[in-house]
Amino acid sequence: MAEFFQAWRRRQAEKQAAEWNEEQEEARRAVQELPDVLQARVRVAVEKLIDGPDADVEGALVELDQLLDPHPDLKERFFRLRVVDDAVEFRAKAALSPGDGDGASR
């Protein structure tokens, strides 16, 4: 039974990793489809959400919000992306229960 459980856990971890990679790629494709004037700054914000330390999440979300505010359709699209939605959820949880402040990466 232990072998089955280990195999199941390994498959679950592989599936979760594949889903996260797909979500990252979806966010990066969305950045590539933006008008040139927005691409560079939105790319930086999105990359901070993907690979940055926890301490950068709030600033990246604020930057993304400000950059896309004049473009409601784009803003809605980006804030529906799983990468951004997860960051919004992380921010809400962090506000409710402050961490140890070490800035460790997710």
N, C-alpha and C. Protein backbone atom coordinates (compact mmCIF):
# COMPACT_ATOMS: atom_id res chain seq x y z
N MET A 1 0.82 -1.20 0.00
CA MET A 1 0.00 0.00 0.00
C MET A 1 0.86 1.26 0.00
N ALA A 2 1.99 1.23 0.67
CA ALA A 2 2.87 2.40 0.74
C ALA A 2 3.39 2.77 -0.64
N GLU A 3 3.70 1.76 -1.47
CA GLU A 3 4.18 2.04 -2.82
C GLU A 3 3.11 2.73 -3.64
N PHE A 4 1.88 2.29 -3.52
CA PHE A 4 0.78 2.93 -4.24
C PHE A 4 0.65 4.39 -3.82
N PHE A 5 0.70 4.63 -2.52
CA PHE A 5 0.56 5.99 -2.01
C PHE A 5 1.70 6.89 -2.51
N GLN A 6 2.91 6.38 -2.51
CA GLN A 6 4.05 7.16 -3.00
C GLN A 6 3.90 7.46 -4.48
N ALA A 7 3.45 6.50 -5.26
CA ALA A 7 3.24 6.71 -6.69
C ALA A 7 2.13 7.74 -6.92
N TRP A 8 1.06 7.64 -6.14
CA TRP A 8 -0.04 8.59 -6.26
C TRP A 8 0.45 10.00 -5.94
N ARG A 9 1.21 10.16 -4.85
CA ARG A 9 1.73 11.47 -4.47
C ARG A 9 2.65 12.03 -5.54
N ARG A 10 3.47 11.18 -6.13
CA ARG A 10 4.38 11.61 -7.19
C ARG A 10 3.58 12.10 -8.41
N ARG A 11 2.53 11.36 -8.78
CA ARG A 11 1.69 11.79 -9.91
C ARG A 11 0.99 13.11 -9.60
N GLN A 12 0.52 13.27 -8.38
CA GLN A 12 -0.14 14.53 -7.99
C GLN A 12 0.85 15.70 -8.07
N ALA A 13 2.06 15.49 -7.59
CA ALA A 13 3.08 16.55 -7.63
C ALA A 13 3.43 16.90 -9.07
N GLU A 14 3.56 15.90 -9.92
CA GLU A 14 3.86 16.13 -11.34
C GLU A 14 2.73 16.89 -12.02
N LYS A 15 1.50 16.51 -11.70
CA LYS A 15 0.32 17.17 -12.27
C LYS A 15 0.28 18.64 -11.83
N GLN A 16 0.51 18.88 -10.55
CA GLN A 16 0.50 20.25 -10.02
C GLN A 16 1.60 21.09 -10.66
N ALA A 17 2.78 20.52 -10.83
CA ALA A 17 3.88 21.25 -11.47
C ALA A 17 3.54 21.58 -12.92
N ALA A 18 2.94 20.64 -13.63
CA ALA A 18 2.55 20.89 -15.02
C ALA A 18 1.49 21.99 -15.11
N GLU A 19 0.53 21.97 -14.19
CA GLU A 19 -0.50 23.01 -14.18
C GLU A 19 0.11 24.37 -13.90
N TRP A 20 1.04 24.46 -12.95
CA TRP A 20 1.69 25.73 -12.63
C TRP A 20 2.48 26.25 -13.82
N ASN A 21 3.18 25.35 -14.52
CA ASN A 21 3.93 25.76 -15.72
C ASN A 21 2.98 26.30 -16.79
N GLU A 22 1.85 25.64 -16.97
CA GLU A 22 0.87 26.10 -17.96
C GLU A 22 0.30 27.47 -17.57
N GLU A 23 0.03 27.67 -16.29
CA GLU A 23 -0.49 28.96 -15.81
C GLU A 23 0.53 30.07 -16.03
N GLN A 24 1.80 29.77 -15.81
CA GLN A 24 2.85 30.76 -16.05
C GLN A 24 2.91 31.13 -17.53
N GLU A 25 2.86 30.12 -18.38
CA GLU A 25 2.91 30.37 -19.82
C GLU A 25 1.69 31.16 -20.29
N GLU A 26 0.52 30.87 -19.73
CA GLU A 26 -0.68 31.61 -20.08
C GLU A 26 -0.51 33.09 -19.74
N ALA A 27 0.06 33.39 -18.59
CA ALA A 27 0.30 34.78 -18.18
C ALA A 27 1.31 35.43 -19.10
N ARG A 28 2.36 34.71 -19.45
CA ARG A 28 3.39 35.28 -20.35
C ARG A 28 2.84 35.52 -21.75
N ARG A 29 1.97 34.63 -22.23
CA ARG A 29 1.33 34.86 -23.54
C ARG A 29 0.44 36.09 -23.50
N ALA A 30 -0.27 36.28 -22.41
CA ALA A 30 -1.14 37.44 -22.28
C ALA A 30 -0.32 38.73 -22.34
N VAL A 31 0.87 38.72 -21.73
CA VAL A 31 1.74 39.90 -21.78
C VAL A 31 2.17 40.17 -23.22
N GLN A 32 2.51 39.12 -23.96
CA GLN A 32 2.95 39.29 -25.35
C GLN A 32 1.86 39.88 -26.25
N GLU A 33 0.61 39.70 -25.86
CA GLU A 33 -0.51 40.20 -26.66
C GLU A 33 -0.87 41.64 -26.33
N LEU A 34 -0.21 42.22 -25.34
CA LEU A 34 -0.50 43.61 -24.95
C LEU A 34 0.06 44.59 -25.97
N PRO A 35 -0.49 45.80 -26.00
CA PRO A 35 0.12 46.85 -26.82
C PRO A 35 1.57 47.09 -26.35
N ASP A 36 2.43 47.43 -27.29
CA ASP A 36 3.86 47.62 -26.99
C ASP A 36 4.10 48.56 -25.82
N VAL A 37 3.28 49.61 -25.71
CA VAL A 37 3.48 50.61 -24.67
C VAL A 37 3.33 50.03 -23.26
N LEU A 38 2.61 48.94 -23.12
CA LEU A 38 2.37 48.33 -21.81
C LEU A 38 3.24 47.10 -21.54
N GLN A 39 3.72 46.46 -22.59
CA GLN A 39 4.36 45.15 -22.45
C GLN A 39 5.49 45.09 -21.43
N ALA A 40 6.45 45.97 -21.51
CA ALA A 40 7.64 45.86 -20.66
C ALA A 40 7.29 45.98 -19.18
N ARG A 41 6.50 46.97 -18.83
CA ARG A 41 6.18 47.17 -17.41
C ARG A 41 5.26 46.10 -16.87
N VAL A 42 4.30 45.65 -17.67
CA VAL A 42 3.41 44.58 -17.23
C VAL A 42 4.20 43.28 -17.11
N ARG A 43 5.15 43.05 -18.02
CA ARG A 43 5.98 41.85 -17.95
C ARG A 43 6.74 41.80 -16.63
N VAL A 44 7.31 42.93 -16.21
CA VAL A 44 8.05 42.97 -14.95
C VAL A 44 7.13 42.62 -13.78
N ALA A 45 5.95 43.19 -13.76
CA ALA A 45 5.00 42.92 -12.68
C ALA A 45 4.59 41.45 -12.66
N VAL A 46 4.29 40.89 -13.82
CA VAL A 46 3.87 39.49 -13.90
C VAL A 46 5.02 38.57 -13.49
N GLU A 47 6.23 38.86 -13.92
CA GLU A 47 7.37 38.02 -13.54
C GLU A 47 7.61 38.07 -12.03
N LYS A 48 7.36 39.21 -11.41
CA LYS A 48 7.48 39.28 -9.95
C LYS A 48 6.45 38.38 -9.28
N LEU A 49 5.26 38.32 -9.86
CA LEU A 49 4.22 37.45 -9.30
C LEU A 49 4.59 35.98 -9.49
N ILE A 50 5.26 35.67 -10.57
CA ILE A 50 5.62 34.28 -10.86
C ILE A 50 6.84 33.84 -10.04
N ASP A 51 7.90 34.64 -10.07
CA ASP A 51 9.18 34.20 -9.51
C ASP A 51 9.72 35.05 -8.38
N GLY A 52 9.05 36.14 -8.08
CA GLY A 52 9.58 37.06 -7.09
C GLY A 52 9.33 36.61 -5.66
N PRO A 53 10.01 37.26 -4.74
CA PRO A 53 9.78 36.95 -3.33
C PRO A 53 8.40 37.44 -2.88
N ASP A 54 7.91 36.86 -1.82
CA ASP A 54 6.59 37.23 -1.29
C ASP A 54 6.48 38.73 -1.05
N ALA A 55 7.57 39.35 -0.62
CA ALA A 55 7.55 40.78 -0.31
C ALA A 55 7.25 41.65 -1.53
N ASP A 56 7.43 41.11 -2.74
CA ASP A 56 7.18 41.88 -3.97
C ASP A 56 5.75 41.75 -4.49
N VAL A 57 4.96 40.86 -3.92
CA VAL A 57 3.62 40.60 -4.45
C VAL A 57 2.75 41.85 -4.40
N GLU A 58 2.70 42.50 -3.26
CA GLU A 58 1.84 43.69 -3.10
C GLU A 58 2.20 44.76 -4.14
N GLY A 59 3.46 45.09 -4.25
CA GLY A 59 3.89 46.11 -5.20
C GLY A 59 3.60 45.74 -6.64
N ALA A 60 3.79 44.46 -6.98
CA ALA A 60 3.52 44.01 -8.34
C ALA A 60 2.03 44.10 -8.66
N LEU A 61 1.19 43.76 -7.70
CA LEU A 61 -0.26 43.86 -7.93
C LEU A 61 -0.70 45.31 -8.08
N VAL A 62 -0.14 46.19 -7.27
CA VAL A 62 -0.47 47.62 -7.36
C VAL A 62 -0.03 48.16 -8.72
N GLU A 63 1.19 47.81 -9.13
CA GLU A 63 1.71 48.25 -10.43
C GLU A 63 0.82 47.74 -11.57
N LEU A 64 0.46 46.49 -11.52
CA LEU A 64 -0.40 45.91 -12.55
C LEU A 64 -1.75 46.61 -12.59
N ASP A 65 -2.31 46.86 -11.42
CA ASP A 65 -3.59 47.55 -11.32
C ASP A 65 -3.50 48.95 -11.94
N GLN A 66 -2.46 49.68 -11.61
CA GLN A 66 -2.30 51.04 -12.12
C GLN A 66 -2.06 51.06 -13.63
N LEU A 67 -1.23 50.14 -14.11
CA LEU A 67 -0.94 50.10 -15.55
C LEU A 67 -2.17 49.76 -16.38
N LEU A 68 -3.00 48.86 -15.86
CA LEU A 68 -4.14 48.39 -16.64
C LEU A 68 -5.43 49.14 -16.34
N ASP A 69 -5.42 50.03 -15.35
CA ASP A 69 -6.62 50.76 -14.98
C ASP A 69 -7.27 51.50 -16.15
N PRO A 70 -6.48 52.14 -17.04
CA PRO A 70 -7.11 52.82 -18.18
C PRO A 70 -7.67 51.88 -19.25
N HIS A 71 -7.44 50.58 -19.07
CA HIS A 71 -7.86 49.58 -20.05
C HIS A 71 -8.68 48.49 -19.34
N PRO A 72 -9.95 48.78 -19.04
CA PRO A 72 -10.77 47.85 -18.24
C PRO A 72 -10.84 46.43 -18.80
N ASP A 73 -10.88 46.30 -20.12
CA ASP A 73 -10.95 44.95 -20.70
C ASP A 73 -9.68 44.16 -20.44
N LEU A 74 -8.53 44.82 -20.58
CA LEU A 74 -7.26 44.15 -20.30
C LEU A 74 -7.11 43.86 -18.82
N LYS A 75 -7.53 44.81 -18.00
CA LYS A 75 -7.44 44.63 -16.55
C LYS A 75 -8.25 43.42 -16.12
N GLU A 76 -9.46 43.31 -16.64
CA GLU A 76 -10.31 42.16 -16.29
C GLU A 76 -9.66 40.86 -16.72
N ARG A 77 -9.09 40.85 -17.92
CA ARG A 77 -8.44 39.64 -18.42
C ARG A 77 -7.27 39.24 -17.52
N PHE A 78 -6.43 40.19 -17.17
CA PHE A 78 -5.24 39.88 -16.37
C PHE A 78 -5.61 39.43 -14.96
N PHE A 79 -6.59 40.06 -14.37
CA PHE A 79 -6.94 39.70 -13.01
C PHE A 79 -7.73 38.39 -12.93
N ARG A 80 -8.11 37.84 -14.10
CA ARG A 80 -8.70 36.50 -14.14
C ARG A 80 -7.64 35.42 -14.31
N LEU A 81 -6.43 35.82 -14.74
CA LEU A 81 -5.36 34.84 -14.90
C LEU A 81 -5.07 34.19 -13.55
N ARG A 82 -4.80 32.92 -13.55
CA ARG A 82 -4.57 32.19 -12.31
C ARG A 82 -3.38 32.74 -11.53
N VAL A 83 -2.32 33.11 -12.24
CA VAL A 83 -1.12 33.65 -11.59
C VAL A 83 -1.48 34.92 -10.81
N VAL A 84 -2.25 35.79 -11.41
CA VAL A 84 -2.64 37.05 -10.75
C VAL A 84 -3.66 36.77 -9.66
N ASP A 85 -4.63 35.93 -9.96
CA ASP A 85 -5.65 35.59 -8.97
C ASP A 85 -5.03 34.95 -7.72
N ASP A 86 -4.07 34.07 -7.92
CA ASP A 86 -3.37 33.46 -6.78
C ASP A 86 -2.64 34.52 -5.96
N ALA A 87 -2.04 35.51 -6.64
CA ALA A 87 -1.33 36.58 -5.93
C ALA A 87 -2.30 37.44 -5.12
N VAL A 88 -3.47 37.71 -5.69
CA VAL A 88 -4.50 38.47 -4.97
C VAL A 88 -4.93 37.70 -3.72
N GLU A 89 -5.13 36.40 -3.88
CA GLU A 89 -5.52 35.56 -2.75
C GLU A 89 -4.40 35.52 -1.70
N PHE A 90 -3.17 35.41 -2.14
CA PHE A 90 -2.02 35.41 -1.22
C PHE A 90 -1.97 36.72 -0.43
N ARG A 91 -2.18 37.84 -1.14
CA ARG A 91 -2.16 39.15 -0.49
C ARG A 91 -3.25 39.24 0.58
N ALA A 92 -4.43 38.74 0.26
CA ALA A 92 -5.54 38.79 1.21
C ALA A 92 -5.22 37.95 2.45
N LYS A 93 -4.67 36.77 2.24
CA LYS A 93 -4.31 35.91 3.38
C LYS A 93 -3.19 36.53 4.20
N ALA A 94 -2.23 37.13 3.54
CA ALA A 94 -1.11 37.76 4.24
C ALA A 94 -1.59 38.93 5.08
N ALA A 95 -2.60 39.64 4.59
CA ALA A 95 -3.14 40.78 5.34
C ALA A 95 -3.85 40.31 6.60
N LEU A 96 -4.45 39.12 6.53
CA LEU A 96 -5.16 38.58 7.68
C LEU A 96 -4.23 37.97 8.72
N SER A 97 -3.12 37.40 8.26
CA SER A 97 -2.18 36.77 9.19
C SER A 97 -0.75 37.11 8.79
N PRO A 98 -0.23 38.24 9.28
CA PRO A 98 1.12 38.65 8.90
C PRO A 98 2.13 37.55 9.20
N GLY A 99 3.06 37.36 8.24
CA GLY A 99 4.10 36.33 8.37
C GLY A 99 5.23 36.78 9.24
N ASP A 100 6.34 36.07 9.12
CA ASP A 100 7.48 36.38 9.95
C ASP A 100 8.36 37.47 9.37
N GLY A 101 7.99 37.96 8.16
CA GLY A 101 8.70 39.09 7.57
C GLY A 101 10.06 38.77 7.01
N ASP A 102 10.36 37.49 6.74
CA ASP A 102 11.68 37.16 6.23
C ASP A 102 11.80 37.33 4.73
N GLY A 103 10.68 37.57 4.00
CA GLY A 103 10.73 37.80 2.56
C GLY A 103 11.05 36.55 1.76
N ALA A 104 10.85 35.39 2.32
CA ALA A 104 11.15 34.15 1.64
C ALA A 104 10.29 34.00 0.40
N SER A 105 10.82 33.35 -0.60
CA SER A 105 10.08 33.12 -1.84
C SER A 105 9.03 32.07 -1.63
N ARG A 106 7.97 32.14 -2.48
CA ARG A 106 6.90 31.14 -2.43
C ARG A 106 7.39 29.85 -3.00
